[in-house]
Amino acid sequence: MTTAALRIGDQLILEEDYDENYIPTEQEIHEYAREIGIDPNLEPELLWLAREGIVAPLPPEWKPCQDVTGDVYYFNFSTGQSTWDHPCDEHYRQLVAQERERAQSCHSRATPAISRSAFIGSKKDREKKKKKKEKKKKEPLGLKAPG
């Protein structure tokens, strides 16, 4: 991921070696999906967010850094903020939440329509039964209307 490095104190400032042609494996996508809150088995419709997020480049003001133990973190040279997570991860977590809300609102808008049509259907059935009963009452004894 990183090639060039500059040392400031005991911290190593790295340069991102971004490869726009990199294609992550399905395993990598599923691991990243879990990191941003997606269950790949239960929410395959959200995996596109993981596919996009795993290859997202660092924002321009961020640099990967390495501490004395060898762990990599990210530092924003404009704001002084640092994080262990890739700076885009939180953005993708928010997108996951938004997509879930969007899917939920689409689902809840569809549900009343289904319930309403089921209600209308049952109302029509009741009206048909009522008409059949009325028709049977009007028929002469011995004659029956078909079923």
Protein backbone atom coordinates (compact mmCIF):
# COMPACT_ATOMS: atom_id res chain seq x y z
CA MET A 1 0.00 0.00 0.00
CA THR A 2 2.76 2.47 0.84
CA THR A 3 6.17 3.15 -0.65
CA ALA A 4 7.92 6.44 0.21
CA ALA A 5 8.40 7.44 3.86
CA LEU A 6 9.44 10.48 5.89
CA ARG A 7 10.29 10.28 9.60
CA ILE A 8 9.01 12.90 12.06
CA GLY A 9 10.22 12.05 15.56
CA ASP A 10 9.47 8.38 16.10
CA GLN A 11 6.59 8.41 13.58
CA LEU A 12 6.99 7.34 9.98
CA ILE A 13 4.93 9.35 7.47
CA LEU A 14 4.08 7.12 4.54
CA GLU A 15 2.79 7.87 1.05
CA GLU A 16 -0.24 6.00 -0.21
CA ASP A 17 0.55 3.79 -3.18
CA TYR A 18 -2.95 3.89 -4.66
CA ASP A 19 -3.69 1.43 -7.48
CA GLU A 20 -6.91 2.36 -9.25
CA ASN A 21 -6.85 -0.98 -11.07
CA TYR A 22 -6.77 -3.05 -7.87
CA ILE A 23 -9.61 -5.58 -7.71
CA PRO A 24 -10.23 -6.88 -4.17
CA THR A 25 -11.12 -10.53 -3.57
CA GLU A 26 -14.60 -11.50 -2.41
CA GLN A 27 -13.08 -12.41 0.97
CA GLU A 28 -11.57 -8.92 1.30
CA ILE A 29 -14.89 -7.35 0.33
CA HIS A 30 -16.75 -9.45 2.93
CA GLU A 31 -14.19 -8.57 5.63
CA TYR A 32 -14.49 -4.87 4.83
CA ALA A 33 -18.28 -5.18 4.70
CA ARG A 34 -18.22 -6.42 8.31
CA GLU A 35 -15.96 -3.50 9.29
CA ILE A 36 -18.52 -0.99 8.02
CA GLY A 37 -21.45 -2.85 9.57
CA ILE A 38 -22.76 -5.05 6.75
CA ASP A 39 -23.55 -8.72 7.28
CA PRO A 40 -22.60 -10.13 3.84
CA ASN A 41 -24.86 -13.16 4.30
CA LEU A 42 -27.96 -11.23 5.40
CA GLU A 43 -27.44 -8.03 3.38
CA PRO A 44 -25.91 -8.94 0.01
CA GLU A 45 -27.76 -5.97 -1.52
CA LEU A 46 -25.40 -3.66 0.44
CA LEU A 47 -22.14 -5.26 -0.72
CA TRP A 48 -21.78 -2.64 -3.45
CA LEU A 49 -20.90 -0.18 -0.68
CA ALA A 50 -18.12 -2.47 0.55
CA ARG A 51 -16.83 -2.93 -3.01
CA GLU A 52 -16.68 0.83 -3.42
CA GLY A 53 -15.32 1.62 0.04
CA ILE A 54 -12.50 -0.92 0.08
CA VAL A 55 -10.84 0.75 -2.91
CA ALA A 56 -11.53 4.36 -1.88
CA PRO A 57 -8.38 6.49 -1.95
CA LEU A 58 -7.33 8.60 1.01
CA PRO A 59 -8.66 12.16 0.95
CA PRO A 60 -5.85 14.55 -0.10
CA GLU A 61 -5.14 15.97 3.39
CA TRP A 62 -4.70 12.49 4.96
CA LYS A 63 -1.51 10.43 5.11
CA PRO A 64 -0.88 6.92 6.38
CA CYS A 65 1.59 6.92 9.29
CA GLN A 66 3.37 4.18 11.19
CA ASP A 67 4.02 4.29 14.92
CA VAL A 68 7.02 2.78 16.75
CA THR A 69 5.23 -0.57 17.12
CA GLY A 70 4.69 -0.79 13.35
CA ASP A 71 0.94 -0.15 13.48
CA VAL A 72 -0.46 2.04 10.71
CA TYR A 73 -2.82 4.92 11.47
CA TYR A 74 -4.03 7.90 9.45
CA PHE A 75 -3.23 11.54 10.14
CA ASN A 76 -4.92 14.64 8.74
CA PHE A 77 -2.22 17.27 8.25
CA SER A 78 -4.82 20.05 7.89
CA THR A 79 -6.76 19.43 11.12
CA GLY A 80 -4.33 17.39 13.26
CA GLN A 81 -6.91 14.60 13.57
CA SER A 82 -5.70 10.99 13.64
CA THR A 83 -7.57 7.71 13.37
CA TRP A 84 -6.80 4.00 13.25
CA ASP A 85 -9.56 3.50 10.65
CA HIS A 86 -9.25 4.60 7.04
CA PRO A 87 -10.75 8.12 6.94
CA CYS A 88 -13.40 7.00 4.43
CA ASP A 89 -14.68 4.15 6.63
CA GLU A 90 -16.99 6.39 8.66
CA HIS A 91 -18.42 7.83 5.46
CA TYR A 92 -19.22 4.30 4.25
CA ARG A 93 -20.73 3.37 7.63
CA GLN A 94 -23.06 6.35 7.24
CA LEU A 95 -23.93 5.29 3.69
CA VAL A 96 -24.79 1.81 5.00
CA ALA A 97 -27.16 3.35 7.56
CA GLN A 98 -28.73 5.59 4.89
CA GLU A 99 -29.24 2.66 2.51
CA ARG A 100 -30.90 0.65 5.28
CA GLU A 101 -33.22 3.57 6.06
CA ARG A 102 -34.04 3.99 2.38
CA ALA A 103 -34.80 0.29 1.99
CA GLN A 104 -36.91 0.33 5.17
CA SER A 105 -38.92 3.36 4.02
CA CYS A 106 -39.50 1.77 0.60
CA HIS A 107 -40.63 -1.42 2.35
CA SER A 108 -42.99 0.40 4.73
CA ARG A 109 -44.53 2.40 1.88
CA ALA A 110 -45.20 -0.84 -0.02
CA THR A 111 -46.70 -2.64 2.97
CA PRO A 112 -49.81 -0.43 3.37
CA ALA A 113 -50.56 -0.80 -0.35
CA ILE A 114 -50.44 -4.57 -0.02
CA SER A 115 -52.61 -4.48 3.09
CA ARG A 116 -55.05 -2.13 1.42
CA SER A 117 -55.35 -4.28 -1.70
CA ALA A 118 -55.84 -7.35 0.48
CA PHE A 119 -58.56 -5.49 2.35
CA ILE A 120 -60.23 -4.40 -0.90
CA GLY A 121 -60.06 -7.97 -2.19
CA SER A 122 -61.69 -9.32 0.95
CA LYS A 123 -64.38 -6.62 0.77
CA LYS A 124 -65.17 -7.66 -2.81
CA ASP A 125 -65.39 -11.29 -1.70
CA ARG A 126 -67.84 -10.33 1.04
CA GLU A 127 -69.97 -8.38 -1.45
CA LYS A 128 -70.07 -11.38 -3.83
CA LYS A 129 -71.15 -13.71 -1.02
CA LYS A 130 -73.83 -11.24 0.02
CA LYS A 131 -75.18 -11.03 -3.56
CA LYS A 132 -75.22 -14.85 -3.82
CA LYS A 133 -77.25 -15.10 -0.61
CA GLU A 134 -79.71 -12.48 -1.87
CA LYS A 135 -79.98 -14.27 -5.21
CA LYS A 136 -80.67 -17.60 -3.49
CA LYS A 137 -83.46 -16.01 -1.46
CA LYS A 138 -85.15 -14.77 -4.65
CA GLU A 139 -84.93 -18.12 -6.50
CA PRO A 140 -87.93 -20.43 -6.51
CA LEU A 141 -87.65 -23.45 -4.25
CA GLY A 142 -86.02 -26.43 -5.89
CA LEU A 143 -83.87 -24.38 -8.28
CA LYS A 144 -80.33 -23.47 -7.27
CA ALA A 145 -77.86 -21.13 -8.90
CA PRO A 146 -74.44 -22.58 -9.67
CA GLY A 147 -72.03 -22.33 -6.91
